[in-house]
């Protein structure tokens, strides 16, 4: 895995709204399970910025493939719009749905001088 992207000012501002934003990777990244990630989901959880590869562990499609936001109605879980898998936003662990026991691939978040970068 090796892909780094700097968030735009608009993406950074969106993090203050308690949503997860989709950030496109400059080049696709192969994940350890052999699937290809083209974007990451970045959000603020319990005061910390978290980022995950935007790919469901049940079937390799983006979590936000539907029209609804990726943050579940409860405001604390990520929801795969295709399969209904429910992931904890704090650690990416699947707690309900077809991939219970698996977890999203976490990306490294780097905050430096007010800029935010994500490395996958």
PDB file of N, CA and C in Angstrom:
ATOM      1  N   UNK A   1       0.849  -1.174   0.000  1.00  0.00           N
ATOM      2  CA  UNK A   1       0.000   0.000   0.000  1.00  0.00           C
ATOM      3  C   UNK A   1       0.888   1.228   0.000  1.00  0.00           C
ATOM      4  N   UNK A   2       0.556   2.196  -0.845  1.00  0.00           N
ATOM      5  CA  UNK A   2       1.284   3.450  -0.850  1.00  0.00           C
ATOM      6  C   UNK A   2       0.535   4.462  -1.696  1.00  0.00           C
ATOM      7  N   UNK A   3      -0.195   5.320  -1.046  1.00  0.00           N
ATOM      8  CA  UNK A   3      -0.896   6.393  -1.718  1.00  0.00           C
ATOM      9  C   UNK A   3      -1.133   7.499  -0.726  1.00  0.00           C
ATOM     10  N   UNK A   4      -0.830   8.718  -1.132  1.00  0.00           N
ATOM     11  CA  UNK A   4      -0.991   9.857  -0.230  1.00  0.00           C
ATOM     12  C   UNK A   4      -1.791  10.931  -0.944  1.00  0.00           C
ATOM     13  N   UNK A   5      -2.702  11.546  -0.206  1.00  0.00           N
ATOM     14  CA  UNK A   5      -3.508  12.618  -0.761  1.00  0.00           C
ATOM     15  C   UNK A   5      -3.675  13.705   0.296  1.00  0.00           C
ATOM     16  N   UNK A   6      -3.563  14.958  -0.140  1.00  0.00           N
ATOM     17  CA  UNK A   6      -3.806  16.101   0.729  1.00  0.00           C
ATOM     18  C   UNK A   6      -5.262  16.509   0.581  1.00  0.00           C
ATOM     19  N   UNK A   7      -5.932  16.747   1.687  1.00  0.00           N
ATOM     20  CA  UNK A   7      -7.319  17.179   1.635  1.00  0.00           C
ATOM     21  C   UNK A   7      -7.392  18.639   1.200  1.00  0.00           C
ATOM     22  N   UNK A   8      -8.405  18.960   0.429  1.00  0.00           N
ATOM     23  CA  UNK A   8      -8.631  20.338   0.024  1.00  0.00           C
ATOM     24  C   UNK A   8      -9.225  21.110   1.204  1.00  0.00           C
ATOM     25  N   UNK A   9      -9.244  22.424   1.096  1.00  0.00           N
ATOM     26  CA  UNK A   9      -9.832  23.255   2.147  1.00  0.00           C
ATOM     27  C   UNK A   9     -11.304  22.891   2.348  1.00  0.00           C
ATOM     28  N   UNK A  10     -12.034  22.663   1.280  1.00  0.00           N
ATOM     29  CA  UNK A  10     -13.447  22.293   1.389  1.00  0.00           C
ATOM     30  C   UNK A  10     -13.619  20.956   2.111  1.00  0.00           C
ATOM     31  N   UNK A  11     -12.747  20.001   1.833  1.00  0.00           N
ATOM     32  CA  UNK A  11     -12.827  18.700   2.510  1.00  0.00           C
ATOM     33  C   UNK A  11     -12.511  18.846   3.992  1.00  0.00           C
ATOM     34  N   UNK A  12     -11.527  19.661   4.323  1.00  0.00           N
ATOM     35  CA  UNK A  12     -11.181  19.898   5.733  1.00  0.00           C
ATOM     36  C   UNK A  12     -12.349  20.580   6.447  1.00  0.00           C
ATOM     37  N   UNK A  13     -12.967  21.559   5.805  1.00  0.00           N
ATOM     38  CA  UNK A  13     -14.105  22.249   6.413  1.00  0.00           C
ATOM     39  C   UNK A  13     -15.275  21.298   6.625  1.00  0.00           C
ATOM     40  N   UNK A  14     -15.475  20.356   5.729  1.00  0.00           N
ATOM     41  CA  UNK A  14     -16.567  19.385   5.857  1.00  0.00           C
ATOM     42  C   UNK A  14     -16.389  18.495   7.079  1.00  0.00           C
ATOM     43  N   UNK A  15     -15.151  18.265   7.492  1.00  0.00           N
ATOM     44  CA  UNK A  15     -14.903  17.430   8.668  1.00  0.00           C
ATOM     45  C   UNK A  15     -15.504  18.038   9.927  1.00  0.00           C
ATOM     46  N   UNK A  16     -15.691  19.335   9.944  1.00  0.00           N
ATOM     47  CA  UNK A  16     -16.281  20.007  11.099  1.00  0.00           C
ATOM     48  C   UNK A  16     -17.784  19.782  11.187  1.00  0.00           C
ATOM     49  N   UNK A  17     -18.372  19.217  10.158  1.00  0.00           N
ATOM     50  CA  UNK A  17     -19.821  19.012  10.117  1.00  0.00           C
ATOM     51  C   UNK A  17     -20.231  17.614  10.568  1.00  0.00           C
ATOM     52  N   UNK A  18     -19.306  16.874  11.164  1.00  0.00           N
ATOM     53  CA  UNK A  18     -19.590  15.510  11.630  1.00  0.00           C
ATOM     54  C   UNK A  18     -20.102  14.616  10.503  1.00  0.00           C
ATOM     55  N   UNK A  19     -19.438  14.678   9.373  1.00  0.00           N
ATOM     56  CA  UNK A  19     -19.731  13.794   8.250  1.00  0.00           C
ATOM     57  C   UNK A  19     -18.429  13.122   7.826  1.00  0.00           C
ATOM     58  N   UNK A  20     -18.561  12.082   7.047  1.00  0.00           N
ATOM     59  CA  UNK A  20     -17.390  11.482   6.419  1.00  0.00           C
ATOM     60  C   UNK A  20     -17.375  11.953   4.974  1.00  0.00           C
ATOM     61  N   UNK A  21     -16.215  12.390   4.517  1.00  0.00           N
ATOM     62  CA  UNK A  21     -16.091  12.850   3.141  1.00  0.00           C
ATOM     63  C   UNK A  21     -15.289  11.836   2.338  1.00  0.00           C
ATOM     64  N   UNK A  22     -15.657  11.708   1.077  1.00  0.00           N
ATOM     65  CA  UNK A  22     -14.939  10.825   0.159  1.00  0.00           C
ATOM     66  C   UNK A  22     -13.817  11.649  -0.464  1.00  0.00           C
ATOM     67  N   UNK A  23     -12.605  11.102  -0.391  1.00  0.00           N
ATOM     68  CA  UNK A  23     -11.440  11.766  -0.974  1.00  0.00           C
ATOM     69  C   UNK A  23     -10.818  10.800  -1.968  1.00  0.00           C
ATOM     70  N   UNK A  24     -10.748  11.226  -3.222  1.00  0.00           N
ATOM     71  CA  UNK A  24     -10.174  10.378  -4.272  1.00  0.00           C
ATOM     72  C   UNK A  24      -8.667  10.270  -4.094  1.00  0.00           C
ATOM     73  N   UNK A  25      -8.151   9.077  -4.286  1.00  0.00           N
ATOM     74  CA  UNK A  25      -6.704   8.869  -4.250  1.00  0.00           C
ATOM     75  C   UNK A  25      -6.125   9.255  -5.609  1.00  0.00           C
ATOM     76  N   UNK A  26      -4.914   9.827  -5.636  1.00  0.00           N
ATOM     77  CA  UNK A  26      -4.326  10.213  -6.925  1.00  0.00           C
ATOM     78  C   UNK A  26      -4.082   9.022  -7.842  1.00  0.00           C
ATOM     79  N   UNK A  27      -3.791   7.883  -7.249  1.00  0.00           N
ATOM     80  CA  UNK A  27      -3.649   6.638  -8.006  1.00  0.00           C
ATOM     81  C   UNK A  27      -4.274   5.527  -7.169  1.00  0.00           C
ATOM     82  N   UNK A  28      -4.870   4.524  -7.799  1.00  0.00           N
ATOM     83  CA  UNK A  28      -5.453   3.409  -7.044  1.00  0.00           C
ATOM     84  C   UNK A  28      -4.388   2.698  -6.201  1.00  0.00           C
ATOM     85  N   UNK A  29      -4.828   2.140  -5.080  1.00  0.00           N
ATOM     86  CA  UNK A  29      -3.929   1.450  -4.161  1.00  0.00           C
ATOM     87  C   UNK A  29      -4.424   0.025  -3.957  1.00  0.00           C
ATOM     88  N   UNK A  30      -3.517  -0.944  -4.116  1.00  0.00           N
ATOM     89  CA  UNK A  30      -3.854  -2.348  -3.841  1.00  0.00           C
ATOM     90  C   UNK A  30      -3.868  -2.564  -2.338  1.00  0.00           C
ATOM     91  N   UNK A  31      -4.939  -3.151  -1.845  1.00  0.00           N
ATOM     92  CA  UNK A  31      -5.074  -3.465  -0.427  1.00  0.00           C
ATOM     93  C   UNK A  31      -4.553  -4.872  -0.158  1.00  0.00           C
ATOM     94  N   UNK A  32      -4.253  -5.203   1.099  1.00  0.00           N
ATOM     95  CA  UNK A  32      -3.719  -6.530   1.416  1.00  0.00           C
ATOM     96  C   UNK A  32      -4.613  -7.694   0.982  1.00  0.00           C
ATOM     97  N   UNK A  33      -5.924  -7.449   0.865  1.00  0.00           N
ATOM     98  CA  UNK A  33      -6.823  -8.537   0.452  1.00  0.00           C
ATOM     99  C   UNK A  33      -6.914  -8.685  -1.066  1.00  0.00           C
ATOM    100  N   UNK A  34      -6.125  -7.887  -1.820  1.00  0.00           N
ATOM    101  CA  UNK A  34      -6.103  -7.997  -3.268  1.00  0.00           C
ATOM    102  C   UNK A  34      -7.086  -7.094  -3.985  1.00  0.00           C
ATOM    103  N   UNK A  35      -7.859  -6.317  -3.244  1.00  0.00           N
ATOM    104  CA  UNK A  35      -8.802  -5.388  -3.856  1.00  0.00           C
ATOM    105  C   UNK A  35      -8.148  -4.028  -4.060  1.00  0.00           C
ATOM    106  N   UNK A  36      -8.724  -3.251  -4.948  1.00  0.00           N
ATOM    107  CA  UNK A  36      -8.167  -1.962  -5.335  1.00  0.00           C
ATOM    108  C   UNK A  36      -9.018  -0.833  -4.764  1.00  0.00           C
ATOM    109  N   UNK A  37      -8.377   0.062  -4.011  1.00  0.00           N
ATOM    110  CA  UNK A  37      -9.070   1.229  -3.451  1.00  0.00           C
ATOM    111  C   UNK A  37      -8.775   2.447  -4.313  1.00  0.00           C
ATOM    112  N   UNK A  38      -9.823   3.196  -4.628  1.00  0.00           N
ATOM    113  CA  UNK A  38      -9.656   4.408  -5.418  1.00  0.00           C
ATOM    114  C   UNK A  38      -9.969   5.666  -4.608  1.00  0.00           C
ATOM    115  N   UNK A  39     -10.495   5.467  -3.396  1.00  0.00           N
ATOM    116  CA  UNK A  39     -10.804   6.607  -2.535  1.00  0.00           C
ATOM    117  C   UNK A  39     -10.757   6.183  -1.076  1.00  0.00           C
ATOM    118  N   UNK A  40     -10.740   7.193  -0.207  1.00  0.00           N
ATOM    119  CA  UNK A  40     -10.789   6.971   1.238  1.00  0.00           C
ATOM    120  C   UNK A  40     -11.953   7.776   1.796  1.00  0.00           C
ATOM    121  N   UNK A  41     -12.444   7.330   2.937  1.00  0.00           N
ATOM    122  CA  UNK A  41     -13.466   8.062   3.675  1.00  0.00           C
ATOM    123  C   UNK A  41     -12.790   8.677   4.885  1.00  0.00           C
ATOM    124  N   UNK A  42     -12.962   9.974   5.061  1.00  0.00           N
ATOM    125  CA  UNK A  42     -12.296  10.693   6.137  1.00  0.00           C
ATOM    126  C   UNK A  42     -13.358  11.409   6.969  1.00  0.00           C
ATOM    127  N   UNK A  43     -13.260  11.266   8.298  1.00  0.00           N
ATOM    128  CA  UNK A  43     -14.225  11.921   9.180  1.00  0.00           C
ATOM    129  C   UNK A  43     -13.654  12.144  10.560  1.00  0.00           C
ATOM    130  N   UNK A  44     -14.356  12.935  11.332  1.00  0.00           N
ATOM    131  CA  UNK A  44     -13.943  13.220  12.707  1.00  0.00           C
ATOM    132  C   UNK A  44     -14.770  12.339  13.629  1.00  0.00           C
ATOM    133  N   UNK A  45     -14.076  11.542  14.456  1.00  0.00           N
ATOM    134  CA  UNK A  45     -14.728  10.613  15.377  1.00  0.00           C
ATOM    135  C   UNK A  45     -14.147  10.838  16.762  1.00  0.00           C
ATOM    136  N   UNK A  46     -15.015  11.178  17.703  1.00  0.00           N
ATOM    137  CA  UNK A  46     -14.582  11.431  19.075  1.00  0.00           C
ATOM    138  C   UNK A  46     -13.408  12.404  19.121  1.00  0.00           C
ATOM    139  N   UNK A  47     -13.461  13.432  18.287  1.00  0.00           N
ATOM    140  CA  UNK A  47     -12.438  14.471  18.279  1.00  0.00           C
ATOM    141  C   UNK A  47     -11.200  14.173  17.456  1.00  0.00           C
ATOM    142  N   UNK A  48     -11.094  12.953  16.942  1.00  0.00           N
ATOM    143  CA  UNK A  48      -9.933  12.573  16.133  1.00  0.00           C
ATOM    144  C   UNK A  48     -10.350  12.342  14.689  1.00  0.00           C
ATOM    145  N   UNK A  49      -9.430  12.626  13.782  1.00  0.00           N
ATOM    146  CA  UNK A  49      -9.710  12.380  12.376  1.00  0.00           C
ATOM    147  C   UNK A  49      -9.360  10.937  12.057  1.00  0.00           C
ATOM    148  N   UNK A  50     -10.305  10.236  11.461  1.00  0.00           N
ATOM    149  CA  UNK A  50     -10.119   8.834  11.068  1.00  0.00           C
ATOM    150  C   UNK A  50     -10.282   8.732   9.557  1.00  0.00           C
ATOM    151  N   UNK A  51      -9.598   7.771   8.978  1.00  0.00           N
ATOM    152  CA  UNK A  51      -9.713   7.547   7.538  1.00  0.00           C
ATOM    153  C   UNK A  51      -9.648   6.054   7.248  1.00  0.00           C
ATOM    154  N   UNK A  52     -10.472   5.632   6.306  1.00  0.00           N
ATOM    155  CA  UNK A  52     -10.543   4.226   5.919  1.00  0.00           C
ATOM    156  C   UNK A  52     -10.621   4.113   4.400  1.00  0.00           C
ATOM    157  N   UNK A  53     -10.071   3.023   3.872  1.00  0.00           N
ATOM    158  CA  UNK A  53     -10.246   2.738   2.453  1.00  0.00           C
ATOM    159  C   UNK A  53     -11.744   2.625   2.196  1.00  0.00           C
ATOM    160  N   UNK A  54     -12.219   3.246   1.151  1.00  0.00           N
ATOM    161  CA  UNK A  54     -13.644   3.262   0.833  1.00  0.00           C
ATOM    162  C   UNK A  54     -14.007   2.011   0.032  1.00  0.00           C
ATOM    163  N   UNK A  55     -13.960   0.880   0.733  1.00  0.00           N
ATOM    164  CA  UNK A  55     -14.288  -0.386   0.076  1.00  0.00           C
ATOM    165  C   UNK A  55     -14.849  -1.350   1.122  1.00  0.00           C
ATOM    166  N   UNK A  56     -16.015  -1.906   0.828  1.00  0.00           N
ATOM    167  CA  UNK A  56     -16.676  -2.818   1.757  1.00  0.00           C
ATOM    168  C   UNK A  56     -15.886  -4.121   1.850  1.00  0.00           C
ATOM    169  N   UNK A  57     -15.841  -4.690   3.029  1.00  0.00           N
ATOM    170  CA  UNK A  57     -15.121  -5.952   3.210  1.00  0.00           C
ATOM    171  C   UNK A  57     -15.950  -7.154   2.770  1.00  0.00           C
ATOM    172  N   UNK A  58     -17.249  -6.991   2.596  1.00  0.00           N
ATOM    173  CA  UNK A  58     -18.089  -8.101   2.142  1.00  0.00           C
ATOM    174  C   UNK A  58     -17.922  -8.334   0.642  1.00  0.00           C
ATOM    175  N   UNK A  59     -18.006  -7.269  -0.106  1.00  0.00           N
ATOM    176  CA  UNK A  59     -17.868  -7.318  -1.561  1.00  0.00           C
ATOM    177  C   UNK A  59     -17.191  -6.012  -1.964  1.00  0.00           C
ATOM    178  N   UNK A  60     -16.176  -6.048  -2.799  1.00  0.00           N
ATOM    179  CA  UNK A  60     -15.360  -4.857  -3.052  1.00  0.00           C
ATOM    180  C   UNK A  60     -16.042  -3.744  -3.851  1.00  0.00           C
ATOM    181  N   UNK A  61     -16.954  -3.047  -3.193  1.00  0.00           N
ATOM    182  CA  UNK A  61     -17.584  -1.855  -3.759  1.00  0.00           C
ATOM    183  C   UNK A  61     -17.438  -0.728  -2.749  1.00  0.00           C
ATOM    184  N   UNK A  62     -17.487   0.521  -3.194  1.00  0.00           N
ATOM    185  CA  UNK A  62     -17.403   1.640  -2.247  1.00  0.00           C
ATOM    186  C   UNK A  62     -18.569   1.610  -1.262  1.00  0.00           C
ATOM    187  N   UNK A  63     -18.293   1.971  -0.013  1.00  0.00           N
ATOM    188  CA  UNK A  63     -19.357   2.023   0.983  1.00  0.00           C
ATOM    189  C   UNK A  63     -20.414   3.045   0.596  1.00  0.00           C
ATOM    190  N   UNK A  64     -19.992   4.126  -0.023  1.00  0.00           N
ATOM    191  CA  UNK A  64     -20.913   5.210  -0.356  1.00  0.00           C
ATOM    192  C   UNK A  64     -21.428   5.115  -1.787  1.00  0.00           C
ATOM    193  N   UNK A  65     -21.683   3.913  -2.257  1.00  0.00           N
ATOM    194  CA  UNK A  65     -22.121   3.733  -3.645  1.00  0.00           C
ATOM    195  C   UNK A  65     -23.558   4.169  -3.887  1.00  0.00           C
ATOM    196  N   UNK A  66     -24.305   4.406  -2.839  1.00  0.00           N
ATOM    197  CA  UNK A  66     -25.691   4.848  -2.989  1.00  0.00           C
ATOM    198  C   UNK A  66     -25.813   6.353  -2.872  1.00  0.00           C
ATOM    199  N   UNK A  67     -27.028   6.817  -2.799  1.00  0.00           N
ATOM    200  CA  UNK A  67     -27.310   8.250  -2.709  1.00  0.00           C
ATOM    201  C   UNK A  67     -27.253   8.747  -1.258  1.00  0.00           C
ATOM    202  N   UNK A  68     -27.341   7.853  -0.307  1.00  0.00           N
ATOM    203  CA  UNK A  68     -27.373   8.246   1.099  1.00  0.00           C
ATOM    204  C   UNK A  68     -25.966   8.472   1.635  1.00  0.00           C
ATOM    205  N   UNK A  69     -25.840   9.242   2.713  1.00  0.00           N
ATOM    206  CA  UNK A  69     -24.509   9.437   3.306  1.00  0.00           C
ATOM    207  C   UNK A  69     -23.977   8.133   3.887  1.00  0.00           C
ATOM    208  N   UNK A  70     -22.659   8.025   3.962  1.00  0.00           N
ATOM    209  CA  UNK A  70     -22.038   6.802   4.468  1.00  0.00           C
ATOM    210  C   UNK A  70     -22.173   6.704   5.992  1.00  0.00           C
ATOM    211  N   UNK A  71     -22.343   7.814   6.668  1.00  0.00           N
ATOM    212  CA  UNK A  71     -22.545   7.791   8.116  1.00  0.00           C
ATOM    213  C   UNK A  71     -23.974   7.329   8.376  1.00  0.00           C
ATOM    214  N   UNK A  72     -24.115   6.271   9.168  1.00  0.00           N
ATOM    215  CA  UNK A  72     -25.426   5.697   9.467  1.00  0.00           C
ATOM    216  C   UNK A  72     -26.290   6.718  10.218  1.00  0.00           C
ATOM    217  N   UNK A  73     -27.606   6.528  10.207  1.00  0.00           N
ATOM    218  CA  UNK A  73     -28.503   7.457  10.902  1.00  0.00           C
ATOM    219  C   UNK A  73     -28.176   7.644  12.385  1.00  0.00           C
ATOM    220  N   UNK A  74     -27.525   6.651  13.011  1.00  0.00           N
ATOM    221  CA  UNK A  74     -27.178   6.798  14.429  1.00  0.00           C
ATOM    222  C   UNK A  74     -26.017   7.764  14.641  1.00  0.00           C
ATOM    223  N   UNK A  75     -25.330   8.150  13.560  1.00  0.00           N
ATOM    224  CA  UNK A  75     -24.246   9.122  13.654  1.00  0.00           C
ATOM    225  C   UNK A  75     -22.931   8.593  14.183  1.00  0.00           C
ATOM    226  N   UNK A  76     -22.851   7.288  14.466  1.00  0.00           N
ATOM    227  CA  UNK A  76     -21.614   6.735  15.027  1.00  0.00           C
ATOM    228  C   UNK A  76     -21.069   5.533  14.257  1.00  0.00           C
ATOM    229  N   UNK A  77     -21.769   5.105  13.220  1.00  0.00           N
ATOM    230  CA  UNK A  77     -21.324   3.963  12.437  1.00  0.00           C
ATOM    231  C   UNK A  77     -21.271   4.326  10.958  1.00  0.00           C
ATOM    232  N   UNK A  78     -20.435   3.598  10.218  1.00  0.00           N
ATOM    233  CA  UNK A  78     -20.389   3.727   8.770  1.00  0.00           C
ATOM    234  C   UNK A  78     -21.239   2.611   8.189  1.00  0.00           C
ATOM    235  N   UNK A  79     -22.002   2.927   7.162  1.00  0.00           N
ATOM    236  CA  UNK A  79     -22.942   1.981   6.589  1.00  0.00           C
ATOM    237  C   UNK A  79     -22.631   1.755   5.115  1.00  0.00           C
ATOM    238  N   UNK A  80     -22.474   0.493   4.724  1.00  0.00           N
ATOM    239  CA  UNK A  80     -22.314   0.161   3.312  1.00  0.00           C
ATOM    240  C   UNK A  80     -23.687   0.256   2.663  1.00  0.00           C
ATOM    241  N   UNK A  81     -23.821   1.143   1.697  1.00  0.00           N
ATOM    242  CA  UNK A  81     -25.104   1.358   1.045  1.00  0.00           C
ATOM    243  C   UNK A  81     -25.534   0.173   0.182  1.00  0.00           C
ATOM    244  N   UNK A  82     -24.590  -0.678  -0.212  1.00  0.00           N
ATOM    245  CA  UNK A  82     -24.922  -1.823  -1.059  1.00  0.00           C
ATOM    246  C   UNK A  82     -25.341  -3.059  -0.273  1.00  0.00           C
ATOM    247  N   UNK A  83     -24.674  -3.320   0.838  1.00  0.00           N
ATOM    248  CA  UNK A  83     -24.877  -4.585   1.557  1.00  0.00           C
ATOM    249  C   UNK A  83     -25.441  -4.429   2.959  1.00  0.00           C
ATOM    250  N   UNK A  84     -25.485  -3.209   3.471  1.00  0.00           N
ATOM    251  CA  UNK A  84     -25.998  -2.998   4.811  1.00  0.00           C
ATOM    252  C   UNK A  84     -25.015  -3.316   5.915  1.00  0.00           C
ATOM    253  N   UNK A  85     -23.757  -3.575   5.575  1.00  0.00           N
ATOM    254  CA  UNK A  85     -22.755  -3.831   6.611  1.00  0.00           C
ATOM    255  C   UNK A  85     -22.581  -2.564   7.452  1.00  0.00           C
ATOM    256  N   UNK A  86     -22.470  -2.744   8.755  1.00  0.00           N
ATOM    257  CA  UNK A  86     -22.344  -1.629   9.679  1.00  0.00           C
ATOM    258  C   UNK A  86     -20.978  -1.697  10.347  1.00  0.00           C
ATOM    259  N   UNK A  87     -20.206  -0.627  10.219  1.00  0.00           N
ATOM    260  CA  UNK A  87     -18.842  -0.566  10.743  1.00  0.00           C
ATOM    261  C   UNK A  87     -18.741   0.501  11.827  1.00  0.00           C
ATOM    262  N   UNK A  88     -18.005   0.201  12.901  1.00  0.00           N
ATOM    263  CA  UNK A  88     -17.731   1.219  13.917  1.00  0.00           C
ATOM    264  C   UNK A  88     -16.819   2.278  13.314  1.00  0.00           C
ATOM    265  N   UNK A  89     -17.168   3.525  13.467  1.00  0.00           N
ATOM    266  CA  UNK A  89     -16.345   4.611  12.936  1.00  0.00           C
ATOM    267  C   UNK A  89     -15.050   4.766  13.732  1.00  0.00           C
ATOM    268  N   UNK A  90     -15.022   4.289  14.963  1.00  0.00           N
ATOM    269  CA  UNK A  90     -13.833   4.448  15.799  1.00  0.00           C
ATOM    270  C   UNK A  90     -12.679   3.557  15.375  1.00  0.00           C
ATOM    271  N   UNK A  91     -12.995   2.332  14.893  1.00  0.00           N
ATOM    272  CA  UNK A  91     -11.911   1.412  14.526  1.00  0.00           C
ATOM    273  C   UNK A  91     -12.151   0.649  13.226  1.00  0.00           C
ATOM    274  N   UNK A  92     -13.292   0.870  12.567  1.00  0.00           N
ATOM    275  CA  UNK A  92     -13.573   0.230  11.285  1.00  0.00           C
ATOM    276  C   UNK A  92     -14.076  -1.196  11.378  1.00  0.00           C
ATOM    277  N   UNK A  93     -14.285  -1.719  12.587  1.00  0.00           N
ATOM    278  CA  UNK A  93     -14.736  -3.102  12.751  1.00  0.00           C
ATOM    279  C   UNK A  93     -16.186  -3.258  12.313  1.00  0.00           C
ATOM    280  N   UNK A  94     -16.474  -4.320  11.554  1.00  0.00           N
ATOM    281  CA  UNK A  94     -17.834  -4.621  11.130  1.00  0.00           C
ATOM    282  C   UNK A  94     -18.562  -5.273  12.301  1.00  0.00           C
ATOM    283  N   UNK A  95     -19.677  -4.660  12.701  1.00  0.00           N
ATOM    284  CA  UNK A  95     -20.423  -5.173  13.855  1.00  0.00           C
ATOM    285  C   UNK A  95     -21.768  -5.777  13.477  1.00  0.00           C
ATOM    286  N   UNK A  96     -22.183  -5.559  12.219  1.00  0.00           N
ATOM    287  CA  UNK A  96     -23.451  -6.139  11.760  1.00  0.00           C
ATOM    288  C   UNK A  96     -23.417  -6.256  10.241  1.00  0.00           C
ATOM    289  N   UNK A  97     -24.072  -7.292   9.754  1.00  0.00           N
ATOM    290  CA  UNK A  97     -24.118  -7.490   8.308  1.00  0.00           C
ATOM    291  C   UNK A  97     -23.274  -8.670   7.876  1.00  0.00           C
ATOM    292  N   UNK A  98     -23.031  -8.791   6.579  1.00  0.00           N
ATOM    293  CA  UNK A  98     -22.397  -9.986   6.027  1.00  0.00           C
ATOM    294  C   UNK A  98     -20.897 -10.130   6.284  1.00  0.00           C
ATOM    295  N   UNK A  99     -20.258  -9.154   6.887  1.00  0.00           N
ATOM    296  CA  UNK A  99     -18.805  -9.266   7.106  1.00  0.00           C
ATOM    297  C   UNK A  99     -18.416  -9.058   8.562  1.00  0.00           C
ATOM    298  N   UNK A 100     -19.285  -9.463   9.474  1.00  0.00           N
ATOM    299  CA  UNK A 100     -18.995  -9.338  10.905  1.00  0.00           C
ATOM    300  C   UNK A 100     -17.653  -9.985  11.214  1.00  0.00           C
ATOM    301  N   UNK A 101     -16.852  -9.314  12.015  1.00  0.00           N
ATOM    302  CA  UNK A 101     -15.546  -9.833  12.400  1.00  0.00           C
ATOM    303  C   UNK A 101     -14.414  -9.305  11.542  1.00  0.00           C
ATOM    304  N   UNK A 102     -14.725  -8.716  10.402  1.00  0.00           N
ATOM    305  CA  UNK A 102     -13.702  -8.100   9.570  1.00  0.00           C
ATOM    306  C   UNK A 102     -13.669  -6.607   9.867  1.00  0.00           C
ATOM    307  N   UNK A 103     -12.720  -5.902   9.290  1.00  0.00           N
ATOM    308  CA  UNK A 103     -12.622  -4.457   9.523  1.00  0.00           C
ATOM    309  C   UNK A 103     -12.181  -3.759   8.253  1.00  0.00           C
ATOM    310  N   UNK A 104     -12.584  -2.515   8.141  1.00  0.00           N
ATOM    311  CA  UNK A 104     -12.130  -1.673   7.038  1.00  0.00           C
ATOM    312  C   UNK A 104     -10.627  -1.470   7.150  1.00  0.00           C
ATOM    313  N   UNK A 105      -9.968  -1.206   6.029  1.00  0.00           N
ATOM    314  CA  UNK A 105      -8.543  -0.912   6.062  1.00  0.00           C
ATOM    315  C   UNK A 105      -8.368   0.546   6.476  1.00  0.00           C
ATOM    316  N   UNK A 106      -7.641   0.732   7.565  1.00  0.00           N
ATOM    317  CA  UNK A 106      -7.443   2.081   8.102  1.00  0.00           C
ATOM    318  C   UNK A 106      -6.298   2.773   7.377  1.00  0.00           C
ATOM    319  N   UNK A 107      -6.487   4.041   7.121  1.00  0.00           N
ATOM    320  CA  UNK A 107      -5.454   4.863   6.502  1.00  0.00           C
ATOM    321  C   UNK A 107      -4.819   5.745   7.576  1.00  0.00           C
ATOM    322  N   UNK A 108      -3.587   6.095   7.360  1.00  0.00           N
ATOM    323  CA  UNK A 108      -2.862   6.954   8.290  1.00  0.00           C
ATOM    324  C   UNK A 108      -3.238   8.405   8.011  1.00  0.00           C
ATOM    325  N   UNK A 109      -3.538   9.135   9.072  1.00  0.00           N
ATOM    326  CA  UNK A 109      -3.867  10.552   8.955  1.00  0.00           C
ATOM    327  C   UNK A 109      -2.691  11.353   9.493  1.00  0.00           C
ATOM    328  N   UNK A 110      -2.239  12.345   8.704  1.00  0.00           N
ATOM    329  CA  UNK A 110      -1.140  13.212   9.110  1.00  0.00           C
ATOM    330  C   UNK A 110      -1.659  14.645   9.137  1.00  0.00           C
ATOM    331  N   UNK A 111      -1.561  15.275  10.318  1.00  0.00           N
ATOM    332  CA  UNK A 111      -1.957  16.670  10.465  1.00  0.00           C
ATOM    333  C   UNK A 111      -0.693  17.469  10.741  1.00  0.00           C
ATOM    334  N   UNK A 112      -0.413  18.415   9.863  1.00  0.00           N
ATOM    335  CA  UNK A 112       0.820  19.202   9.988  1.00  0.00           C
ATOM    336  C   UNK A 112       0.547  20.622   9.517  1.00  0.00           C
ATOM    337  N   UNK A 113       0.780  21.574  10.394  1.00  0.00           N
ATOM    338  CA  UNK A 113       0.618  22.997  10.076  1.00  0.00           C
ATOM    339  C   UNK A 113      -0.766  23.300   9.498  1.00  0.00           C
ATOM    340  N   UNK A 114      -1.792  22.700  10.088  1.00  0.00           N
ATOM    341  CA  UNK A 114      -3.161  22.976   9.654  1.00  0.00           C
ATOM    342  C   UNK A 114      -3.580  22.234   8.398  1.00  0.00           C
ATOM    343  N   UNK A 115      -2.706  21.472   7.806  1.00  0.00           N
ATOM    344  CA  UNK A 115      -3.045  20.680   6.611  1.00  0.00           C
ATOM    345  C   UNK A 115      -3.268  19.237   7.023  1.00  0.00           C
ATOM    346  N   UNK A 116      -4.137  18.562   6.296  1.00  0.00           N
ATOM    347  CA  UNK A 116      -4.431  17.167   6.586  1.00  0.00           C
ATOM    348  C   UNK A 116      -4.122  16.332   5.355  1.00  0.00           C
ATOM    349  N   UNK A 117      -3.340  15.273   5.572  1.00  0.00           N
ATOM    350  CA  UNK A 117      -3.026  14.321   4.518  1.00  0.00           C
ATOM    351  C   UNK A 117      -3.451  12.934   4.972  1.00  0.00           C
ATOM    352  N   UNK A 118      -3.754  12.087   4.011  1.00  0.00           N
ATOM    353  CA  UNK A 118      -4.119  10.708   4.299  1.00  0.00           C
ATOM    354  C   UNK A 118      -3.214   9.809   3.484  1.00  0.00           C
ATOM    355  N   UNK A 119      -2.672   8.782   4.150  1.00  0.00           N
ATOM    356  CA  UNK A 119      -1.808   7.811   3.479  1.00  0.00           C
ATOM    357  C   UNK A 119      -2.423   6.428   3.598  1.00  0.00           C
ATOM    358  N   UNK A 120      -2.544   5.781   2.459  1.00  0.00           N
ATOM    359  CA  UNK A 120      -3.106   4.430   2.438  1.00  0.00           C
ATOM    360  C   UNK A 120      -2.092   3.500   1.832  1.00  0.00           C
TER     361      UNK A 120
END
